[in-house]
Amino acid sequence: MQAFTKLNGIVAPVDRVNVDTDAIIPKQFLKRIERTGFGQYLFYEWRFDEAGGNIDSFSLNQPRYQGSTVLISRANFGCGSSREHAPWAILDYGFRVVIAPSFADIFYNNCFKNGILPIKLSEEQVEELFQRTDATEGYKLNVDLESKTITDEQGLHIDFDLDERSPPIPASGLG
């Protein structure tokens, strides 16, 4: 896994509260024990119809969000059962940062263990990111782990903290 201390990436929105691990990676795909190959099943029931075709209205199926490495969502992201497959699917899909107002504790810690940076911001800050993402195709954020800042090319500057209980970040960054 490639370590990072700074990331510049396209933002993709999942505008839902209480996104549970069953939605992140449905149980029928948990038979594998490898940590890879789960990205194709990320948000499966929201991305695909019963015949396996794309649900075009879901953000990750829209061309403007292809190649995204930053995911934004609403409160209580990663709730539900404590499956480590959820961060595996998020990482395998290509996300390195997840931003939300709050996370389920086990999911939050599993993100750090698997090379994903979960960032907690206020509801207002997350709403601003949703608005900016919606307004600008290919909207990008710069996430600097060393200075704990989020910036964009339009003058946005947000400082973030990591939860005191979160695992320590290695000197080489997350990876």
N, C-alpha and C. Protein backbone atom coordinates (compact mmCIF):
# COMPACT_ATOMS: atom_id res chain seq x y z
N MET A 1 0.85 -1.18 0.00
CA MET A 1 0.00 0.00 0.00
C MET A 1 0.89 1.24 0.00
N GLN A 2 0.57 2.19 -0.82
CA GLN A 2 1.36 3.41 -0.94
C GLN A 2 1.03 4.38 0.19
N ALA A 3 2.06 4.81 0.93
CA ALA A 3 1.85 5.75 2.04
C ALA A 3 1.59 7.14 1.51
N PHE A 4 0.88 7.93 2.29
CA PHE A 4 0.71 9.33 1.92
C PHE A 4 0.69 10.21 3.16
N THR A 5 1.22 11.41 2.98
CA THR A 5 1.08 12.45 3.99
C THR A 5 0.30 13.61 3.39
N LYS A 6 0.28 13.68 2.05
CA LYS A 6 -0.50 14.69 1.33
C LYS A 6 -1.23 14.00 0.20
N LEU A 7 -2.45 14.43 -0.02
CA LEU A 7 -3.25 13.85 -1.08
C LEU A 7 -4.02 14.96 -1.76
N ASN A 8 -4.00 14.95 -3.09
CA ASN A 8 -4.82 15.84 -3.88
C ASN A 8 -5.72 14.94 -4.69
N GLY A 9 -7.04 15.01 -4.42
CA GLY A 9 -7.91 14.07 -5.10
C GLY A 9 -9.31 14.57 -5.35
N ILE A 10 -9.93 13.97 -6.34
CA ILE A 10 -11.32 14.27 -6.68
C ILE A 10 -12.22 13.76 -5.55
N VAL A 11 -13.26 14.54 -5.27
CA VAL A 11 -14.20 14.23 -4.20
C VAL A 11 -15.45 13.60 -4.78
N ALA A 12 -15.92 12.52 -4.15
CA ALA A 12 -17.19 11.89 -4.51
C ALA A 12 -18.12 11.93 -3.31
N PRO A 13 -19.38 12.29 -3.52
CA PRO A 13 -20.34 12.35 -2.41
C PRO A 13 -21.20 11.09 -2.30
N VAL A 14 -21.47 10.71 -1.07
CA VAL A 14 -22.51 9.74 -0.77
C VAL A 14 -23.38 10.44 0.27
N ASP A 15 -24.42 11.08 -0.21
CA ASP A 15 -25.22 11.99 0.61
C ASP A 15 -26.28 11.23 1.40
N ARG A 16 -25.82 10.48 2.39
CA ARG A 16 -26.72 9.69 3.23
C ARG A 16 -26.18 9.67 4.65
N VAL A 17 -27.08 9.62 5.62
CA VAL A 17 -26.70 9.43 7.01
C VAL A 17 -26.77 7.94 7.34
N ASN A 18 -26.09 7.56 8.39
CA ASN A 18 -26.12 6.18 8.89
C ASN A 18 -25.77 5.15 7.80
N VAL A 19 -24.71 5.42 7.07
CA VAL A 19 -24.25 4.46 6.06
C VAL A 19 -23.61 3.30 6.81
N ASP A 20 -24.29 2.15 6.79
CA ASP A 20 -23.76 1.04 7.57
C ASP A 20 -22.87 0.13 6.73
N THR A 21 -22.16 -0.72 7.43
CA THR A 21 -21.19 -1.58 6.76
C THR A 21 -21.86 -2.56 5.81
N ASP A 22 -23.13 -2.90 6.06
CA ASP A 22 -23.87 -3.77 5.13
C ASP A 22 -24.10 -3.07 3.80
N ALA A 23 -24.26 -1.75 3.82
CA ALA A 23 -24.40 -0.98 2.58
C ALA A 23 -23.04 -0.79 1.91
N ILE A 24 -22.00 -0.61 2.72
CA ILE A 24 -20.66 -0.41 2.17
C ILE A 24 -20.21 -1.67 1.43
N ILE A 25 -20.37 -2.84 2.06
CA ILE A 25 -20.03 -4.11 1.42
C ILE A 25 -21.05 -5.16 1.89
N PRO A 26 -22.02 -5.48 1.03
CA PRO A 26 -23.06 -6.44 1.40
C PRO A 26 -22.50 -7.82 1.77
N LYS A 27 -23.20 -8.49 2.66
CA LYS A 27 -22.72 -9.75 3.25
C LYS A 27 -22.43 -10.85 2.23
N GLN A 28 -23.12 -10.86 1.10
CA GLN A 28 -22.91 -11.93 0.12
C GLN A 28 -21.51 -11.89 -0.50
N PHE A 29 -20.79 -10.79 -0.29
CA PHE A 29 -19.45 -10.68 -0.87
C PHE A 29 -18.34 -10.88 0.16
N LEU A 30 -18.67 -11.39 1.33
CA LEU A 30 -17.69 -11.52 2.40
C LEU A 30 -17.02 -12.88 2.45
N LYS A 31 -17.18 -13.69 1.45
CA LYS A 31 -16.63 -15.04 1.47
C LYS A 31 -15.13 -15.07 1.23
N ARG A 32 -14.60 -14.02 0.69
CA ARG A 32 -13.16 -13.95 0.40
C ARG A 32 -12.39 -13.61 1.67
N ILE A 33 -11.16 -14.05 1.76
CA ILE A 33 -10.33 -13.70 2.91
C ILE A 33 -9.19 -12.75 2.53
N GLU A 34 -8.97 -12.57 1.22
CA GLU A 34 -7.96 -11.61 0.79
C GLU A 34 -8.48 -10.20 1.06
N ARG A 35 -7.56 -9.25 1.16
CA ARG A 35 -7.96 -7.86 1.40
C ARG A 35 -8.25 -7.11 0.11
N THR A 36 -8.08 -7.72 -1.01
CA THR A 36 -8.26 -7.05 -2.29
C THR A 36 -9.46 -7.65 -3.03
N GLY A 37 -9.91 -6.92 -4.03
CA GLY A 37 -10.99 -7.40 -4.86
C GLY A 37 -12.38 -7.00 -4.39
N PHE A 38 -12.46 -6.25 -3.31
CA PHE A 38 -13.76 -5.86 -2.76
C PHE A 38 -14.30 -4.55 -3.34
N GLY A 39 -13.45 -3.76 -3.97
CA GLY A 39 -13.87 -2.47 -4.49
C GLY A 39 -15.02 -2.56 -5.47
N GLN A 40 -15.05 -3.61 -6.25
CA GLN A 40 -16.11 -3.78 -7.23
C GLN A 40 -17.48 -3.95 -6.58
N TYR A 41 -17.50 -4.29 -5.30
CA TYR A 41 -18.76 -4.51 -4.58
C TYR A 41 -19.13 -3.35 -3.66
N LEU A 42 -18.32 -2.31 -3.65
CA LEU A 42 -18.58 -1.15 -2.78
C LEU A 42 -19.95 -0.55 -3.11
N PHE A 43 -20.77 -0.35 -2.08
CA PHE A 43 -22.13 0.21 -2.23
C PHE A 43 -22.92 -0.53 -3.30
N TYR A 44 -22.73 -1.81 -3.38
CA TYR A 44 -23.27 -2.63 -4.46
C TYR A 44 -24.77 -2.42 -4.69
N GLU A 45 -25.54 -2.47 -3.64
CA GLU A 45 -27.00 -2.37 -3.79
C GLU A 45 -27.46 -0.96 -4.15
N TRP A 46 -26.61 0.02 -3.98
CA TRP A 46 -26.92 1.39 -4.39
C TRP A 46 -26.40 1.66 -5.81
N ARG A 47 -25.36 0.95 -6.21
CA ARG A 47 -24.74 1.17 -7.52
C ARG A 47 -25.38 0.38 -8.64
N PHE A 48 -25.94 -0.80 -8.31
CA PHE A 48 -26.41 -1.71 -9.35
C PHE A 48 -27.86 -2.12 -9.12
N ASP A 49 -28.59 -2.32 -10.23
CA ASP A 49 -29.96 -2.81 -10.13
C ASP A 49 -29.93 -4.34 -10.03
N GLU A 50 -31.09 -4.96 -9.96
CA GLU A 50 -31.18 -6.42 -9.78
C GLU A 50 -30.56 -7.20 -10.94
N ALA A 51 -30.52 -6.60 -12.11
CA ALA A 51 -29.93 -7.26 -13.28
C ALA A 51 -28.42 -7.00 -13.39
N GLY A 52 -27.87 -6.23 -12.46
CA GLY A 52 -26.44 -5.93 -12.48
C GLY A 52 -26.08 -4.69 -13.27
N GLY A 53 -27.09 -3.97 -13.77
CA GLY A 53 -26.83 -2.73 -14.51
C GLY A 53 -26.62 -1.56 -13.57
N ASN A 54 -25.89 -0.56 -14.05
CA ASN A 54 -25.64 0.64 -13.24
C ASN A 54 -26.92 1.38 -12.91
N ILE A 55 -26.99 1.89 -11.70
CA ILE A 55 -28.03 2.84 -11.31
C ILE A 55 -27.39 4.21 -11.51
N ASP A 56 -27.75 4.85 -12.61
CA ASP A 56 -27.07 6.08 -13.04
C ASP A 56 -27.18 7.21 -12.03
N SER A 57 -28.22 7.22 -11.22
CA SER A 57 -28.40 8.31 -10.27
C SER A 57 -27.43 8.22 -9.09
N PHE A 58 -26.81 7.06 -8.86
CA PHE A 58 -25.88 6.95 -7.74
C PHE A 58 -24.56 7.60 -8.12
N SER A 59 -24.03 8.41 -7.22
CA SER A 59 -22.86 9.24 -7.52
C SER A 59 -21.67 8.48 -8.09
N LEU A 60 -21.32 7.35 -7.54
CA LEU A 60 -20.12 6.65 -8.00
C LEU A 60 -20.25 6.12 -9.42
N ASN A 61 -21.47 6.08 -9.95
CA ASN A 61 -21.68 5.66 -11.34
C ASN A 61 -21.62 6.82 -12.31
N GLN A 62 -21.48 8.03 -11.82
CA GLN A 62 -21.45 9.20 -12.69
C GLN A 62 -20.01 9.49 -13.12
N PRO A 63 -19.80 9.78 -14.40
CA PRO A 63 -18.45 10.00 -14.92
C PRO A 63 -17.66 11.08 -14.16
N ARG A 64 -18.31 12.10 -13.65
CA ARG A 64 -17.60 13.19 -12.99
C ARG A 64 -16.89 12.76 -11.70
N TYR A 65 -17.27 11.60 -11.15
CA TYR A 65 -16.66 11.13 -9.91
C TYR A 65 -15.69 9.97 -10.12
N GLN A 66 -15.46 9.60 -11.35
CA GLN A 66 -14.53 8.50 -11.62
C GLN A 66 -13.11 8.91 -11.21
N GLY A 67 -12.42 8.00 -10.57
CA GLY A 67 -11.06 8.27 -10.12
C GLY A 67 -11.00 9.02 -8.80
N SER A 68 -12.12 9.13 -8.11
CA SER A 68 -12.15 9.85 -6.82
C SER A 68 -11.32 9.12 -5.77
N THR A 69 -10.67 9.92 -4.94
CA THR A 69 -9.89 9.36 -3.83
C THR A 69 -10.35 9.90 -2.48
N VAL A 70 -11.30 10.85 -2.51
CA VAL A 70 -11.86 11.43 -1.28
C VAL A 70 -13.36 11.19 -1.31
N LEU A 71 -13.88 10.59 -0.25
CA LEU A 71 -15.30 10.32 -0.13
C LEU A 71 -15.88 11.19 0.97
N ILE A 72 -17.00 11.87 0.68
CA ILE A 72 -17.69 12.63 1.73
C ILE A 72 -19.06 12.02 1.96
N SER A 73 -19.47 12.01 3.22
CA SER A 73 -20.77 11.46 3.56
C SER A 73 -21.30 12.18 4.80
N ARG A 74 -22.42 11.72 5.26
CA ARG A 74 -23.08 12.35 6.41
C ARG A 74 -22.76 11.60 7.70
N ALA A 75 -23.44 11.96 8.77
CA ALA A 75 -23.16 11.47 10.12
C ALA A 75 -23.31 9.95 10.24
N ASN A 76 -22.53 9.40 11.15
CA ASN A 76 -22.57 8.00 11.56
C ASN A 76 -22.16 7.06 10.42
N PHE A 77 -21.13 7.43 9.70
CA PHE A 77 -20.63 6.62 8.59
C PHE A 77 -19.95 5.37 9.15
N GLY A 78 -20.23 4.22 8.56
CA GLY A 78 -19.59 2.97 8.96
C GLY A 78 -20.24 2.30 10.15
N CYS A 79 -21.48 2.64 10.44
CA CYS A 79 -22.19 2.01 11.56
C CYS A 79 -22.57 0.58 11.17
N GLY A 80 -23.15 -0.14 12.10
CA GLY A 80 -23.57 -1.51 11.82
C GLY A 80 -22.56 -2.52 12.31
N SER A 81 -22.48 -3.64 11.65
CA SER A 81 -21.58 -4.70 12.09
C SER A 81 -20.12 -4.28 11.90
N SER A 82 -19.27 -4.91 12.67
CA SER A 82 -17.85 -4.50 12.70
C SER A 82 -17.02 -5.30 11.71
N ARG A 83 -17.33 -5.18 10.44
CA ARG A 83 -16.59 -5.95 9.45
C ARG A 83 -15.45 -5.12 8.87
N GLU A 84 -14.27 -5.72 8.91
CA GLU A 84 -13.10 -5.04 8.35
C GLU A 84 -13.16 -5.00 6.83
N HIS A 85 -14.04 -5.78 6.25
CA HIS A 85 -14.20 -5.77 4.79
C HIS A 85 -14.65 -4.39 4.29
N ALA A 86 -15.34 -3.61 5.14
CA ALA A 86 -15.83 -2.29 4.70
C ALA A 86 -14.67 -1.37 4.32
N PRO A 87 -13.68 -1.16 5.20
CA PRO A 87 -12.55 -0.34 4.76
C PRO A 87 -11.76 -0.99 3.62
N TRP A 88 -11.70 -2.31 3.56
CA TRP A 88 -11.02 -2.97 2.45
C TRP A 88 -11.69 -2.59 1.13
N ALA A 89 -13.02 -2.59 1.10
CA ALA A 89 -13.75 -2.25 -0.12
C ALA A 89 -13.54 -0.79 -0.49
N ILE A 90 -13.56 0.09 0.50
CA ILE A 90 -13.36 1.52 0.26
C ILE A 90 -11.97 1.77 -0.33
N LEU A 91 -10.97 1.17 0.28
CA LEU A 91 -9.59 1.33 -0.20
C LEU A 91 -9.40 0.70 -1.58
N ASP A 92 -9.93 -0.49 -1.77
CA ASP A 92 -9.77 -1.17 -3.04
C ASP A 92 -10.45 -0.41 -4.18
N TYR A 93 -11.51 0.31 -3.87
CA TYR A 93 -12.18 1.13 -4.89
C TYR A 93 -11.32 2.33 -5.27
N GLY A 94 -10.47 2.78 -4.33
CA GLY A 94 -9.56 3.89 -4.63
C GLY A 94 -9.62 5.05 -3.66
N PHE A 95 -10.50 4.99 -2.67
CA PHE A 95 -10.59 6.07 -1.69
C PHE A 95 -9.48 5.95 -0.66
N ARG A 96 -8.85 7.08 -0.35
CA ARG A 96 -7.82 7.13 0.70
C ARG A 96 -8.26 7.99 1.88
N VAL A 97 -9.28 8.84 1.67
CA VAL A 97 -9.79 9.73 2.71
C VAL A 97 -11.31 9.62 2.71
N VAL A 98 -11.89 9.54 3.91
CA VAL A 98 -13.33 9.59 4.08
C VAL A 98 -13.63 10.72 5.06
N ILE A 99 -14.49 11.64 4.66
CA ILE A 99 -14.84 12.79 5.49
C ILE A 99 -16.32 12.70 5.85
N ALA A 100 -16.63 12.82 7.14
CA ALA A 100 -18.01 12.79 7.62
C ALA A 100 -18.05 13.49 8.98
N PRO A 101 -19.23 13.87 9.44
CA PRO A 101 -19.34 14.48 10.76
C PRO A 101 -19.04 13.50 11.90
N SER A 102 -19.34 12.21 11.68
CA SER A 102 -19.06 11.21 12.71
C SER A 102 -18.96 9.84 12.07
N PHE A 103 -18.26 8.95 12.78
CA PHE A 103 -18.04 7.59 12.32
C PHE A 103 -18.35 6.62 13.46
N ALA A 104 -18.73 5.41 13.11
CA ALA A 104 -18.81 4.35 14.10
C ALA A 104 -17.39 4.07 14.59
N ASP A 105 -17.23 3.84 15.88
CA ASP A 105 -15.89 3.69 16.47
C ASP A 105 -15.05 2.60 15.82
N ILE A 106 -15.61 1.41 15.66
CA ILE A 106 -14.82 0.30 15.11
C ILE A 106 -14.42 0.60 13.67
N PHE A 107 -15.35 1.12 12.89
CA PHE A 107 -15.03 1.48 11.51
C PHE A 107 -13.92 2.52 11.47
N TYR A 108 -14.03 3.54 12.31
CA TYR A 108 -13.04 4.62 12.38
C TYR A 108 -11.64 4.04 12.61
N ASN A 109 -11.51 3.17 13.59
CA ASN A 109 -10.21 2.57 13.89
C ASN A 109 -9.74 1.63 12.78
N ASN A 110 -10.67 0.90 12.17
CA ASN A 110 -10.30 0.02 11.06
C ASN A 110 -9.78 0.81 9.86
N CYS A 111 -10.27 2.03 9.67
CA CYS A 111 -9.76 2.86 8.58
C CYS A 111 -8.26 3.11 8.76
N PHE A 112 -7.86 3.52 9.95
CA PHE A 112 -6.45 3.78 10.20
C PHE A 112 -5.61 2.53 9.96
N LYS A 113 -6.09 1.39 10.43
CA LYS A 113 -5.35 0.14 10.28
C LYS A 113 -5.17 -0.27 8.82
N ASN A 114 -6.05 0.25 7.97
CA ASN A 114 -6.04 -0.17 6.57
C ASN A 114 -5.62 0.93 5.60
N GLY A 115 -5.05 2.02 6.11
CA GLY A 115 -4.49 3.04 5.23
C GLY A 115 -5.46 4.08 4.72
N ILE A 116 -6.59 4.22 5.40
CA ILE A 116 -7.59 5.23 5.03
C ILE A 116 -7.61 6.27 6.15
N LEU A 117 -7.66 7.54 5.77
CA LEU A 117 -7.73 8.61 6.75
C LEU A 117 -9.18 9.04 6.92
N PRO A 118 -9.81 8.72 8.07
CA PRO A 118 -11.16 9.20 8.34
C PRO A 118 -11.08 10.56 9.03
N ILE A 119 -11.73 11.55 8.47
CA ILE A 119 -11.67 12.91 9.02
C ILE A 119 -13.07 13.33 9.47
N LYS A 120 -13.16 13.74 10.73
CA LYS A 120 -14.41 14.24 11.28
C LYS A 120 -14.44 15.76 11.16
N LEU A 121 -15.48 16.26 10.51
CA LEU A 121 -15.71 17.70 10.40
C LEU A 121 -17.11 18.00 10.90
N SER A 122 -17.38 19.26 11.16
CA SER A 122 -18.71 19.64 11.61
C SER A 122 -19.73 19.43 10.48
N GLU A 123 -20.99 19.36 10.85
CA GLU A 123 -22.07 19.23 9.86
C GLU A 123 -22.00 20.37 8.85
N GLU A 124 -21.71 21.58 9.33
CA GLU A 124 -21.65 22.75 8.45
C GLU A 124 -20.49 22.65 7.47
N GLN A 125 -19.35 22.19 7.93
CA GLN A 125 -18.19 22.04 7.05
C GLN A 125 -18.45 20.96 5.99
N VAL A 126 -19.06 19.87 6.42
CA VAL A 126 -19.38 18.79 5.47
C VAL A 126 -20.40 19.29 4.45
N GLU A 127 -21.39 20.05 4.90
CA GLU A 127 -22.38 20.61 3.97
C GLU A 127 -21.70 21.51 2.94
N GLU A 128 -20.75 22.32 3.38
CA GLU A 128 -20.02 23.17 2.44
C GLU A 128 -19.27 22.33 1.40
N LEU A 129 -18.68 21.22 1.84
CA LEU A 129 -17.99 20.33 0.89
C LEU A 129 -18.97 19.71 -0.10
N PHE A 130 -20.16 19.34 0.37
CA PHE A 130 -21.17 18.81 -0.55
C PHE A 130 -21.54 19.86 -1.59
N GLN A 131 -21.74 21.08 -1.15
CA GLN A 131 -22.12 22.15 -2.08
C GLN A 131 -21.01 22.41 -3.11
N ARG A 132 -19.77 22.46 -2.65
CA ARG A 132 -18.64 22.69 -3.56
C ARG A 132 -18.48 21.52 -4.53
N THR A 133 -18.67 20.32 -4.04
CA THR A 133 -18.56 19.14 -4.90
C THR A 133 -19.63 19.15 -5.98
N ASP A 134 -20.84 19.52 -5.59
CA ASP A 134 -21.96 19.57 -6.54
C ASP A 134 -21.76 20.67 -7.58
N ALA A 135 -21.17 21.78 -7.18
CA ALA A 135 -21.04 22.94 -8.06
C ALA A 135 -19.89 22.84 -9.06
N THR A 136 -18.90 22.01 -8.77
CA THR A 136 -17.70 21.96 -9.60
C THR A 136 -17.41 20.54 -10.06
N GLU A 137 -17.48 20.31 -11.34
CA GLU A 137 -17.15 18.98 -11.85
C GLU A 137 -15.65 18.74 -11.64
N GLY A 138 -15.33 17.56 -11.14
CA GLY A 138 -13.94 17.24 -10.87
C GLY A 138 -13.37 17.98 -9.66
N TYR A 139 -14.27 18.36 -8.74
CA TYR A 139 -13.84 19.11 -7.54
C TYR A 139 -12.80 18.31 -6.78
N LYS A 140 -11.70 18.99 -6.44
CA LYS A 140 -10.59 18.35 -5.75
C LYS A 140 -10.32 19.01 -4.41
N LEU A 141 -9.88 18.19 -3.48
CA LEU A 141 -9.40 18.66 -2.19
C LEU A 141 -7.94 18.26 -2.02
N ASN A 142 -7.22 19.12 -1.31
CA ASN A 142 -5.86 18.81 -0.87
C ASN A 142 -5.96 18.47 0.61
N VAL A 143 -5.54 17.28 0.96
CA VAL A 143 -5.55 16.85 2.35
C VAL A 143 -4.10 16.69 2.78
N ASP A 144 -3.72 17.46 3.79
CA ASP A 144 -2.35 17.44 4.29
C ASP A 144 -2.37 16.86 5.70
N LEU A 145 -1.89 15.64 5.82
CA LEU A 145 -1.90 14.94 7.09
C LEU A 145 -0.95 15.58 8.10
N GLU A 146 0.19 16.09 7.62
CA GLU A 146 1.17 16.70 8.53
C GLU A 146 0.63 17.96 9.18
N SER A 147 0.03 18.84 8.39
CA SER A 147 -0.48 20.10 8.95
C SER A 147 -1.95 19.98 9.38
N LYS A 148 -2.55 18.83 9.11
CA LYS A 148 -3.96 18.57 9.43
C LYS A 148 -4.85 19.66 8.85
N THR A 149 -4.71 19.85 7.53
CA THR A 149 -5.52 20.85 6.84
C THR A 149 -6.14 20.25 5.58
N ILE A 150 -7.28 20.82 5.22
CA ILE A 150 -7.95 20.51 3.97
C ILE A 150 -8.09 21.84 3.24
N THR A 151 -7.66 21.87 1.99
CA THR A 151 -7.76 23.10 1.18
C THR A 151 -8.25 22.74 -0.21
N ASP A 152 -8.68 23.77 -0.94
CA ASP A 152 -8.98 23.60 -2.35
C ASP A 152 -8.43 24.79 -3.11
N GLU A 153 -8.59 24.78 -4.42
CA GLU A 153 -8.05 25.85 -5.26
C GLU A 153 -8.90 27.11 -5.22
N GLN A 154 -10.03 27.07 -4.53
CA GLN A 154 -10.94 28.21 -4.47
C GLN A 154 -10.84 28.96 -3.14
N GLY A 155 -9.82 28.64 -2.34
CA GLY A 155 -9.60 29.37 -1.09
C GLY A 155 -10.13 28.71 0.17
N LEU A 156 -10.70 27.53 0.04
CA LEU A 156 -11.17 26.80 1.22
C LEU A 156 -9.99 26.42 2.09
N HIS A 157 -10.14 26.57 3.39
CA HIS A 157 -9.12 26.13 4.34
C HIS A 157 -9.84 25.63 5.59
N ILE A 158 -9.68 24.33 5.87
CA ILE A 158 -10.29 23.72 7.06
C ILE A 158 -9.19 23.00 7.81
N ASP A 159 -9.10 23.29 9.10
CA ASP A 159 -8.21 22.53 9.98
C ASP A 159 -8.99 21.36 10.54
N PHE A 160 -8.32 20.23 10.69
CA PHE A 160 -8.99 19.08 11.31
C PHE A 160 -8.10 18.49 12.38
N ASP A 161 -8.72 17.81 13.31
CA ASP A 161 -8.02 17.08 14.35
C ASP A 161 -8.32 15.60 14.19
N LEU A 162 -7.46 14.80 14.72
CA LEU A 162 -7.73 13.37 14.76
C LEU A 162 -8.17 13.04 16.17
N ASP A 163 -9.10 12.13 16.28
CA ASP A 163 -9.63 11.70 17.56
C ASP A 163 -8.47 11.24 18.45
N GLU A 164 -8.52 11.63 19.71
CA GLU A 164 -7.45 11.25 20.65
C GLU A 164 -7.30 9.74 20.77
N ARG A 165 -8.37 9.01 20.52
CA ARG A 165 -8.34 7.56 20.64
C ARG A 165 -7.90 6.88 19.35
N SER A 166 -7.69 7.66 18.28
CA SER A 166 -7.32 7.03 17.01
C SER A 166 -5.90 6.48 17.09
N PRO A 167 -5.65 5.44 16.34
CA PRO A 167 -4.29 4.89 16.31
C PRO A 167 -3.31 5.95 15.83
N PRO A 168 -2.07 5.90 16.30
CA PRO A 168 -1.08 6.88 15.87
C PRO A 168 -0.79 6.75 14.37
N ILE A 169 -0.56 7.88 13.76
CA ILE A 169 -0.19 7.91 12.34
C ILE A 169 1.31 7.65 12.25
N PRO A 170 1.73 6.71 11.44
CA PRO A 170 3.17 6.46 11.29
C PRO A 170 3.88 7.70 10.75
N ALA A 171 5.15 7.84 11.05
CA ALA A 171 5.93 9.00 10.59
C ALA A 171 5.90 9.11 9.07
N SER A 172 5.75 8.00 8.40
CA SER A 172 5.72 8.02 6.93
C SER A 172 4.32 8.27 6.39
N GLY A 173 3.36 8.55 7.26
CA GLY A 173 2.00 8.80 6.82
C GLY A 173 1.16 7.54 6.82
N LEU A 174 -0.01 7.62 6.23
CA LEU A 174 -0.88 6.44 6.13
C LEU A 174 -0.52 5.65 4.91
N GLY A 175 -0.59 4.39 5.03
CA GLY A 175 -0.29 3.60 3.86
C GLY A 175 -0.40 2.17 4.13
